[in-house]
C-alpha atoms as a PDB file:
ATOM      1  CA  MET A   1     -35.958 -69.372  33.820  1.00  0.00           C
ATOM      2  CA  ASP A   2     -39.719 -68.697  34.692  1.00  0.00           C
ATOM      3  CA  GLU A   3     -41.305 -66.130  36.747  1.00  0.00           C
ATOM      4  CA  LEU A   4     -41.414 -68.189  39.532  1.00  0.00           C
ATOM      5  CA  GLY A   5     -37.481 -68.431  39.450  1.00  0.00           C
ATOM      6  CA  ILE A   6     -36.667 -64.721  38.629  1.00  0.00           C
ATOM      7  CA  ALA A   7     -39.020 -63.902  41.756  1.00  0.00           C
ATOM      8  CA  GLU A   8     -36.620 -65.865  43.794  1.00  0.00           C
ATOM      9  CA  VAL A   9     -33.296 -64.423  42.432  1.00  0.00           C
ATOM     10  CA  LEU A  10     -34.906 -60.827  42.662  1.00  0.00           C
ATOM     11  CA  LEU A  11     -36.328 -61.445  46.529  1.00  0.00           C
ATOM     12  CA  ASP A  12     -32.571 -62.227  47.214  1.00  0.00           C
ATOM     13  CA  ALA A  13     -31.278 -59.135  45.556  1.00  0.00           C
ATOM     14  CA  VAL A  14     -33.695 -57.230  47.487  1.00  0.00           C
ATOM     15  CA  GLU A  15     -33.323 -58.525  50.758  1.00  0.00           C
ATOM     16  CA  ARG A  16     -29.640 -57.728  50.589  1.00  0.00           C
ATOM     17  CA  ARG A  17     -30.288 -54.152  49.403  1.00  0.00           C
ATOM     18  CA  ALA A  18     -32.693 -53.604  51.852  1.00  0.00           C
ATOM     19  CA  ALA A  19     -30.438 -54.766  54.922  1.00  0.00           C
ATOM     20  CA  GLY A  20     -33.304 -55.990  57.240  1.00  0.00           C
ATOM     21  CA  ARG A  21     -35.697 -52.761  56.411  1.00  0.00           C
ATOM     22  CA  PRO A  22     -39.200 -53.480  55.254  1.00  0.00           C
ATOM     23  CA  VAL A  23     -39.496 -53.061  51.462  1.00  0.00           C
ATOM     24  CA  ARG A  24     -42.487 -51.035  50.089  1.00  0.00           C
ATOM     25  CA  ARG A  25     -41.579 -51.564  46.508  1.00  0.00           C
ATOM     26  CA  ALA A  26     -38.704 -52.854  43.930  1.00  0.00           C
ATOM     27  CA  ARG A  27     -38.099 -51.290  40.177  1.00  0.00           C
ATOM     28  CA  VAL A  28     -37.005 -54.264  38.072  1.00  0.00           C
ATOM     29  CA  ARG A  29     -35.709 -53.349  34.582  1.00  0.00           C
ATOM     30  CA  ALA A  30     -36.015 -56.687  32.191  1.00  0.00           C
ATOM     31  CA  GLY A  31     -34.767 -57.438  28.692  1.00  0.00           C
ATOM     32  CA  VAL A  32     -37.967 -58.378  26.605  1.00  0.00           C
ATOM     33  CA  LEU A  33     -36.153 -62.011  25.170  1.00  0.00           C
ATOM     34  CA  LEU A  34     -36.842 -62.973  28.651  1.00  0.00           C
ATOM     35  CA  HIS A  35     -40.586 -62.697  27.919  1.00  0.00           C
ATOM     36  CA  ILE A  36     -41.590 -61.610  31.226  1.00  0.00           C
ATOM     37  CA  SER A  37     -45.326 -61.250  32.289  1.00  0.00           C
ATOM     38  CA  GLU A  38     -45.489 -58.164  34.699  1.00  0.00           C
ATOM     39  CA  PRO A  39     -48.675 -59.336  36.531  1.00  0.00           C
ATOM     40  CA  ALA A  40     -47.190 -63.460  36.620  1.00  0.00           C
ATOM     41  CA  LEU A  41     -43.773 -61.680  38.219  1.00  0.00           C
ATOM     42  CA  ASN A  42     -45.419 -59.874  40.617  1.00  0.00           C
ATOM     43  CA  GLN A  43     -47.598 -62.740  41.604  1.00  0.00           C
ATOM     44  CA  ALA A  44     -44.260 -64.896  41.998  1.00  0.00           C
ATOM     45  CA  PHE A  45     -42.502 -62.510  44.168  1.00  0.00           C
ATOM     46  CA  ILE A  46     -45.815 -62.246  46.302  1.00  0.00           C
ATOM     47  CA  ALA A  47     -45.458 -66.340  47.047  1.00  0.00           C
ATOM     48  CA  VAL A  48     -42.029 -66.034  47.683  1.00  0.00           C
ATOM     49  CA  SER A  49     -41.636 -62.951  49.632  1.00  0.00           C
ATOM     50  CA  ASP A  50     -44.385 -63.637  52.199  1.00  0.00           C
ATOM     51  CA  GLY A  51     -42.690 -63.478  55.471  1.00  0.00           C
ATOM     52  CA  THR A  52     -39.980 -61.881  54.537  1.00  0.00           C
ATOM     53  CA  VAL A  53     -38.685 -58.079  54.602  1.00  0.00           C
ATOM     54  CA  ALA A  54     -40.081 -57.528  51.159  1.00  0.00           C
ATOM     55  CA  ASP A  55     -43.615 -59.121  52.224  1.00  0.00           C
ATOM     56  CA  GLY A  56     -46.393 -57.189  50.506  1.00  0.00           C
ATOM     57  CA  ALA A  57     -43.954 -54.955  48.488  1.00  0.00           C
ATOM     58  CA  HIS A  58     -44.930 -54.497  44.610  1.00  0.00           C
ATOM     59  CA  LEU A  59     -42.569 -54.935  41.629  1.00  0.00           C
ATOM     60  CA  ASP A  60     -42.499 -52.120  38.764  1.00  0.00           C
ATOM     61  CA  VAL A  61     -41.178 -53.958  35.772  1.00  0.00           C
ATOM     62  CA  VAL A  62     -39.563 -52.170  33.254  1.00  0.00           C
ATOM     63  CA  ILE A  63     -38.831 -53.700  29.735  1.00  0.00           C
ATOM     64  CA  ASP A  64     -36.057 -53.052  28.023  1.00  0.00           C
ATOM     65  CA  PRO A  65     -36.259 -53.250  24.153  1.00  0.00           C
ATOM     66  CA  VAL A  66     -33.449 -55.177  22.289  1.00  0.00           C
ATOM     67  CA  ARG A  67     -31.566 -53.397  19.393  1.00  0.00           C
ATOM     68  CA  LEU A  68     -31.943 -54.846  15.686  1.00  0.00           C
ATOM     69  CA  THR A  69     -29.260 -53.885  13.134  1.00  0.00           C
ATOM     70  CA  CYS A  70     -29.387 -55.109   9.514  1.00  0.00           C
ATOM     71  CA  ARG A  71     -26.047 -56.463   8.955  1.00  0.00           C
ATOM     72  CA  SER A  72     -26.804 -55.689   5.018  1.00  0.00           C
ATOM     73  CA  CYS A  73     -28.051 -52.395   4.676  1.00  0.00           C
ATOM     74  CA  ALA A  74     -26.879 -51.116   8.461  1.00  0.00           C
ATOM     75  CA  TRP A  75     -31.028 -50.533   9.173  1.00  0.00           C
ATOM     76  CA  ALA A  76     -31.303 -49.929  12.844  1.00  0.00           C
ATOM     77  CA  THR A  77     -34.046 -49.706  15.117  1.00  0.00           C
ATOM     78  CA  ARG A  78     -34.930 -50.592  19.268  1.00  0.00           C
ATOM     79  CA  SER A  79     -37.641 -52.983  19.149  1.00  0.00           C
ATOM     80  CA  ASP A  80     -39.939 -54.938  21.622  1.00  0.00           C
ATOM     81  CA  ARG A  81     -39.968 -58.004  19.270  1.00  0.00           C
ATOM     82  CA  LEU A  82     -37.699 -59.654  16.934  1.00  0.00           C
ATOM     83  CA  ARG A  83     -37.822 -59.435  13.075  1.00  0.00           C
ATOM     84  CA  ALA A  84     -36.549 -62.402  10.310  1.00  0.00           C
ATOM     85  CA  ALA A  85     -35.891 -59.821   7.891  1.00  0.00           C
ATOM     86  CA  CYS A  86     -34.735 -56.239   7.496  1.00  0.00           C
ATOM     87  CA  PRO A  87     -38.125 -53.944   6.188  1.00  0.00           C
ATOM     88  CA  GLU A  88     -35.609 -52.118   4.260  1.00  0.00           C
ATOM     89  CA  CYS A  89     -33.990 -54.549   2.143  1.00  0.00           C
ATOM     90  CA  GLY A  90     -35.260 -58.041   2.784  1.00  0.00           C
ATOM     91  CA  GLY A  91     -32.071 -59.341   4.413  1.00  0.00           C
ATOM     92  CA  THR A  92     -32.201 -61.636   7.161  1.00  0.00           C
ATOM     93  CA  ASP A  93     -28.892 -61.052   8.425  1.00  0.00           C
ATOM     94  CA  ILE A  94     -29.767 -59.189  11.523  1.00  0.00           C
ATOM     95  CA  GLU A  95     -27.817 -58.304  14.606  1.00  0.00           C
ATOM     96  CA  ILE A  96     -29.157 -58.874  18.161  1.00  0.00           C
ATOM     97  CA  GLU A  97     -27.972 -56.789  20.615  1.00  0.00           C
ATOM     98  CA  GLY A  98     -29.005 -56.707  24.580  1.00  0.00           C
ATOM     99  CA  GLY A  99     -33.110 -57.268  25.372  1.00  0.00           C
ATOM    100  CA  ASP A 100     -31.612 -60.255  27.494  1.00  0.00           C
ATOM    101  CA  GLY A 101     -30.913 -58.591  30.793  1.00  0.00           C
ATOM    102  CA  LEU A 102     -32.165 -58.517  34.136  1.00  0.00           C
ATOM    103  CA  ALA A 103     -30.940 -55.719  36.875  1.00  0.00           C
ATOM    104  CA  LEU A 104     -32.792 -54.630  40.432  1.00  0.00           C
ATOM    105  CA  GLU A 105     -32.374 -50.457  39.808  1.00  0.00           C
ATOM    106  CA  SER A 106     -33.856 -49.857  43.059  1.00  0.00           C
ATOM    107  CA  VAL A 107     -35.675 -50.864  46.325  1.00  0.00           C
ATOM    108  CA  GLN A 108     -38.152 -48.288  48.053  1.00  0.00           C
ATOM    109  CA  THR A 109     -38.174 -49.049  52.010  1.00  0.00           C
ATOM    110  CA  ALA A 110     -40.675 -48.061  54.665  1.00  0.00           C
ATOM    111  CA  SER A 111     -39.706 -45.315  56.896  1.00  0.00           C
ATOM    112  CA  THR A 112     -38.255 -46.276  59.911  1.00  0.00           C
ATOM    113  CA  ALA A 113     -38.434 -43.013  61.757  1.00  0.00           C
ATOM    114  CA  PRO A 114     -41.216 -42.270  64.050  1.00  0.00           C
ATOM    115  CA  PRO A 115     -44.154 -40.099  63.094  1.00  0.00           C
ATOM    116  CA  VAL A 116     -44.024 -36.764  64.015  1.00  0.00           C
END
């Protein structure tokens, strides 16, 4: 899925959570394996949110690393990139966990209270 498709999915989730209130920003957590570009996702979100409650809202994107574990020597780390071989033993039997999720963490709406 490209940034435009992801932006459309996020907009749907943002609109449901906002429940008609104007949105200022939203925080998204995305796995590194999705290869999301934050600037490209923000541009796509601007395009798909035009005329909606999220019009003008900014996305804060947090990239989650992947967890790598060598099945040969039990070396483990969290990383923002995949490895073809274990740096400890040279083994190539590496287990990959996570790094592929996408979650809307929060939505900040504009205050609806009248100014004091």
